[in-house]
Amino acid sequence: MIEKRAAPRHRVFKGGTLTFENSGIACTVRNMSEGGAAIDLDAPVKLPQSFTLAIARDNFVRNCRTVWRSDTRIGLAFVR
């Protein structure tokens, strides 16, 4: 398979939170790169066009948008 990503992703297993419209949804971050991440949710959720991913234990906060989704797994791009 040909890698199409601009930066390589690294496998992780970290708890995170998606925040938007004064609400938060728990997620599991499965892999990350400089430009994005893949997350798992417990159930399918409709997300707005942009939202924030936070990983509290790493003091990590990024604005995001959805690039792809497959049921409960979502690919995110970090927005600068």
N, C-alpha and C. Protein backbone atom coordinates (compact mmCIF):
# COMPACT_ATOMS: atom_id res chain seq x y z
N MET A 1 0.84 -1.17 0.00
CA MET A 1 0.00 0.00 0.00
C MET A 1 0.89 1.24 0.00
N ILE A 2 0.53 2.25 -0.76
CA ILE A 2 1.29 3.48 -0.84
C ILE A 2 0.81 4.43 0.25
N GLU A 3 1.75 4.95 1.02
CA GLU A 3 1.44 5.88 2.10
C GLU A 3 1.15 7.26 1.50
N LYS A 4 -0.02 7.82 1.80
CA LYS A 4 -0.41 9.11 1.25
C LYS A 4 -0.30 10.24 2.27
N ARG A 5 0.00 9.93 3.51
CA ARG A 5 0.07 10.95 4.54
C ARG A 5 1.35 11.77 4.41
N ALA A 6 1.25 13.05 4.76
CA ALA A 6 2.41 13.95 4.71
C ALA A 6 3.40 13.62 5.82
N ALA A 7 2.89 13.16 6.98
CA ALA A 7 3.76 12.82 8.11
C ALA A 7 3.35 11.44 8.62
N PRO A 8 4.31 10.62 9.03
CA PRO A 8 3.98 9.28 9.52
C PRO A 8 3.20 9.34 10.84
N ARG A 9 2.28 8.42 10.99
CA ARG A 9 1.51 8.34 12.23
C ARG A 9 2.15 7.32 13.16
N HIS A 10 2.02 7.59 14.45
CA HIS A 10 2.57 6.71 15.48
C HIS A 10 1.41 6.14 16.30
N ARG A 11 1.46 4.84 16.53
CA ARG A 11 0.40 4.18 17.29
C ARG A 11 0.45 4.64 18.74
N VAL A 12 -0.71 4.97 19.28
CA VAL A 12 -0.84 5.36 20.68
C VAL A 12 -2.14 4.76 21.22
N PHE A 13 -2.32 4.84 22.49
CA PHE A 13 -3.56 4.40 23.14
C PHE A 13 -3.79 5.34 24.31
N LYS A 14 -4.43 6.49 24.03
CA LYS A 14 -4.58 7.54 25.03
C LYS A 14 -6.03 7.99 25.10
N GLY A 15 -6.47 8.32 26.29
CA GLY A 15 -7.80 8.88 26.46
C GLY A 15 -7.80 10.34 26.07
N GLY A 16 -8.84 10.74 25.37
CA GLY A 16 -8.98 12.13 24.96
C GLY A 16 -10.41 12.59 25.10
N THR A 17 -10.61 13.87 24.82
CA THR A 17 -11.94 14.46 24.86
C THR A 17 -12.13 15.35 23.64
N LEU A 18 -13.25 15.18 22.96
CA LEU A 18 -13.65 16.08 21.89
C LEU A 18 -14.60 17.10 22.50
N THR A 19 -14.34 18.38 22.27
CA THR A 19 -15.22 19.40 22.82
C THR A 19 -15.75 20.29 21.70
N PHE A 20 -17.03 20.63 21.84
CA PHE A 20 -17.71 21.52 20.90
C PHE A 20 -19.04 21.92 21.53
N GLU A 21 -19.50 23.12 21.22
CA GLU A 21 -20.79 23.60 21.69
C GLU A 21 -21.02 23.33 23.17
N ASN A 22 -20.02 23.62 23.99
CA ASN A 22 -20.10 23.46 25.45
C ASN A 22 -20.39 22.03 25.91
N SER A 23 -19.99 21.04 25.11
CA SER A 23 -20.14 19.65 25.53
C SER A 23 -18.85 18.90 25.24
N GLY A 24 -18.68 17.75 25.89
CA GLY A 24 -17.49 16.94 25.70
C GLY A 24 -17.84 15.48 25.48
N ILE A 25 -17.08 14.83 24.62
CA ILE A 25 -17.28 13.41 24.33
C ILE A 25 -15.94 12.71 24.53
N ALA A 26 -15.94 11.65 25.32
CA ALA A 26 -14.72 10.88 25.54
C ALA A 26 -14.37 10.09 24.28
N CYS A 27 -13.08 9.96 24.01
CA CYS A 27 -12.60 9.18 22.87
C CYS A 27 -11.29 8.50 23.24
N THR A 28 -10.88 7.57 22.39
CA THR A 28 -9.59 6.92 22.52
C THR A 28 -8.77 7.28 21.29
N VAL A 29 -7.62 7.88 21.50
CA VAL A 29 -6.74 8.24 20.40
C VAL A 29 -5.91 7.00 20.07
N ARG A 30 -5.99 6.55 18.81
CA ARG A 30 -5.34 5.31 18.39
C ARG A 30 -4.01 5.54 17.68
N ASN A 31 -3.91 6.65 16.91
CA ASN A 31 -2.62 7.00 16.31
C ASN A 31 -2.59 8.50 16.07
N MET A 32 -1.36 9.04 15.97
CA MET A 32 -1.19 10.49 15.83
C MET A 32 -0.01 10.80 14.93
N SER A 33 -0.07 11.97 14.31
CA SER A 33 1.06 12.53 13.58
C SER A 33 1.05 14.02 13.83
N GLU A 34 1.96 14.73 13.19
CA GLU A 34 1.98 16.18 13.32
C GLU A 34 0.70 16.80 12.78
N GLY A 35 0.10 16.17 11.79
CA GLY A 35 -1.04 16.76 11.11
C GLY A 35 -2.40 16.22 11.45
N GLY A 36 -2.46 15.12 12.24
CA GLY A 36 -3.77 14.56 12.52
C GLY A 36 -3.72 13.36 13.44
N ALA A 37 -4.87 12.71 13.57
CA ALA A 37 -5.00 11.56 14.47
C ALA A 37 -6.17 10.70 14.02
N ALA A 38 -6.20 9.49 14.52
CA ALA A 38 -7.36 8.61 14.37
C ALA A 38 -7.87 8.33 15.77
N ILE A 39 -9.18 8.44 15.94
CA ILE A 39 -9.78 8.23 17.25
C ILE A 39 -10.90 7.20 17.16
N ASP A 40 -11.20 6.59 18.29
CA ASP A 40 -12.33 5.69 18.42
C ASP A 40 -13.32 6.31 19.39
N LEU A 41 -14.61 6.19 19.08
CA LEU A 41 -15.69 6.62 19.96
C LEU A 41 -16.48 5.40 20.40
N ASP A 42 -17.18 5.51 21.52
CA ASP A 42 -17.99 4.39 22.00
C ASP A 42 -19.21 4.14 21.12
N ALA A 43 -19.71 5.20 20.49
CA ALA A 43 -20.90 5.09 19.64
C ALA A 43 -20.79 6.15 18.55
N PRO A 44 -21.47 5.94 17.43
CA PRO A 44 -21.44 6.96 16.37
C PRO A 44 -22.01 8.28 16.89
N VAL A 45 -21.33 9.38 16.57
CA VAL A 45 -21.74 10.70 17.02
C VAL A 45 -21.64 11.67 15.85
N LYS A 46 -22.62 12.53 15.71
CA LYS A 46 -22.56 13.57 14.69
C LYS A 46 -21.71 14.72 15.24
N LEU A 47 -20.65 15.05 14.52
CA LEU A 47 -19.73 16.11 14.95
C LEU A 47 -19.92 17.35 14.09
N PRO A 48 -19.66 18.52 14.67
CA PRO A 48 -19.71 19.74 13.87
C PRO A 48 -18.52 19.80 12.92
N GLN A 49 -18.49 20.82 12.08
CA GLN A 49 -17.42 20.96 11.10
C GLN A 49 -16.05 21.09 11.77
N SER A 50 -15.97 21.81 12.89
CA SER A 50 -14.71 21.91 13.62
C SER A 50 -14.97 21.73 15.11
N PHE A 51 -13.96 21.21 15.81
CA PHE A 51 -14.07 20.90 17.23
C PHE A 51 -12.66 20.80 17.79
N THR A 52 -12.53 20.54 19.08
CA THR A 52 -11.23 20.48 19.73
C THR A 52 -10.97 19.08 20.27
N LEU A 53 -9.75 18.58 20.07
CA LEU A 53 -9.29 17.33 20.68
C LEU A 53 -8.33 17.70 21.80
N ALA A 54 -8.58 17.20 23.00
CA ALA A 54 -7.69 17.42 24.13
C ALA A 54 -7.26 16.09 24.72
N ILE A 55 -5.97 15.98 25.04
CA ILE A 55 -5.43 14.82 25.76
C ILE A 55 -4.83 15.40 27.03
N ALA A 56 -5.58 15.33 28.13
CA ALA A 56 -5.22 16.02 29.37
C ALA A 56 -3.85 15.61 29.90
N ARG A 57 -3.54 14.33 29.90
CA ARG A 57 -2.28 13.88 30.51
C ARG A 57 -1.05 14.38 29.76
N ASP A 58 -1.23 14.78 28.49
CA ASP A 58 -0.11 15.31 27.70
C ASP A 58 -0.18 16.83 27.53
N ASN A 59 -1.16 17.48 28.16
CA ASN A 59 -1.38 18.92 27.94
C ASN A 59 -1.47 19.24 26.46
N PHE A 60 -2.19 18.40 25.72
CA PHE A 60 -2.30 18.49 24.27
C PHE A 60 -3.69 18.99 23.90
N VAL A 61 -3.77 20.07 23.14
CA VAL A 61 -5.05 20.60 22.67
C VAL A 61 -4.88 21.05 21.23
N ARG A 62 -5.75 20.56 20.34
CA ARG A 62 -5.69 20.96 18.91
C ARG A 62 -7.10 21.14 18.37
N ASN A 63 -7.27 22.15 17.54
CA ASN A 63 -8.49 22.31 16.77
C ASN A 63 -8.44 21.30 15.64
N CYS A 64 -9.60 20.69 15.33
CA CYS A 64 -9.64 19.59 14.36
C CYS A 64 -10.82 19.73 13.42
N ARG A 65 -10.74 18.94 12.34
CA ARG A 65 -11.87 18.70 11.46
C ARG A 65 -11.83 17.23 11.07
N THR A 66 -12.99 16.68 10.73
CA THR A 66 -13.07 15.28 10.31
C THR A 66 -12.61 15.15 8.87
N VAL A 67 -11.75 14.15 8.60
CA VAL A 67 -11.28 13.87 7.25
C VAL A 67 -12.00 12.64 6.70
N TRP A 68 -12.17 11.63 7.54
CA TRP A 68 -12.89 10.42 7.16
C TRP A 68 -13.51 9.80 8.40
N ARG A 69 -14.47 8.93 8.19
CA ARG A 69 -15.03 8.21 9.33
C ARG A 69 -15.55 6.85 8.90
N SER A 70 -15.49 5.91 9.83
CA SER A 70 -15.95 4.56 9.60
C SER A 70 -16.62 4.09 10.89
N ASP A 71 -17.94 4.22 10.96
CA ASP A 71 -18.72 3.86 12.13
C ASP A 71 -18.23 4.63 13.36
N THR A 72 -17.43 4.00 14.22
CA THR A 72 -16.97 4.69 15.43
C THR A 72 -15.51 5.12 15.37
N ARG A 73 -14.82 4.91 14.27
CA ARG A 73 -13.44 5.40 14.11
C ARG A 73 -13.46 6.62 13.19
N ILE A 74 -12.74 7.66 13.59
CA ILE A 74 -12.73 8.92 12.84
C ILE A 74 -11.30 9.37 12.62
N GLY A 75 -11.00 9.78 11.40
CA GLY A 75 -9.71 10.38 11.08
C GLY A 75 -9.81 11.89 11.17
N LEU A 76 -8.90 12.50 11.91
CA LEU A 76 -8.91 13.94 12.15
C LEU A 76 -7.72 14.61 11.50
N ALA A 77 -7.92 15.83 11.03
CA ALA A 77 -6.83 16.69 10.60
C ALA A 77 -6.77 17.84 11.59
N PHE A 78 -5.56 18.18 12.04
CA PHE A 78 -5.40 19.32 12.93
C PHE A 78 -5.43 20.59 12.10
N VAL A 79 -6.20 21.56 12.57
CA VAL A 79 -6.37 22.84 11.87
C VAL A 79 -5.47 23.87 12.53
N ARG A 80 -4.74 24.57 11.72
CA ARG A 80 -3.83 25.59 12.28
C ARG A 80 -4.47 26.93 12.35
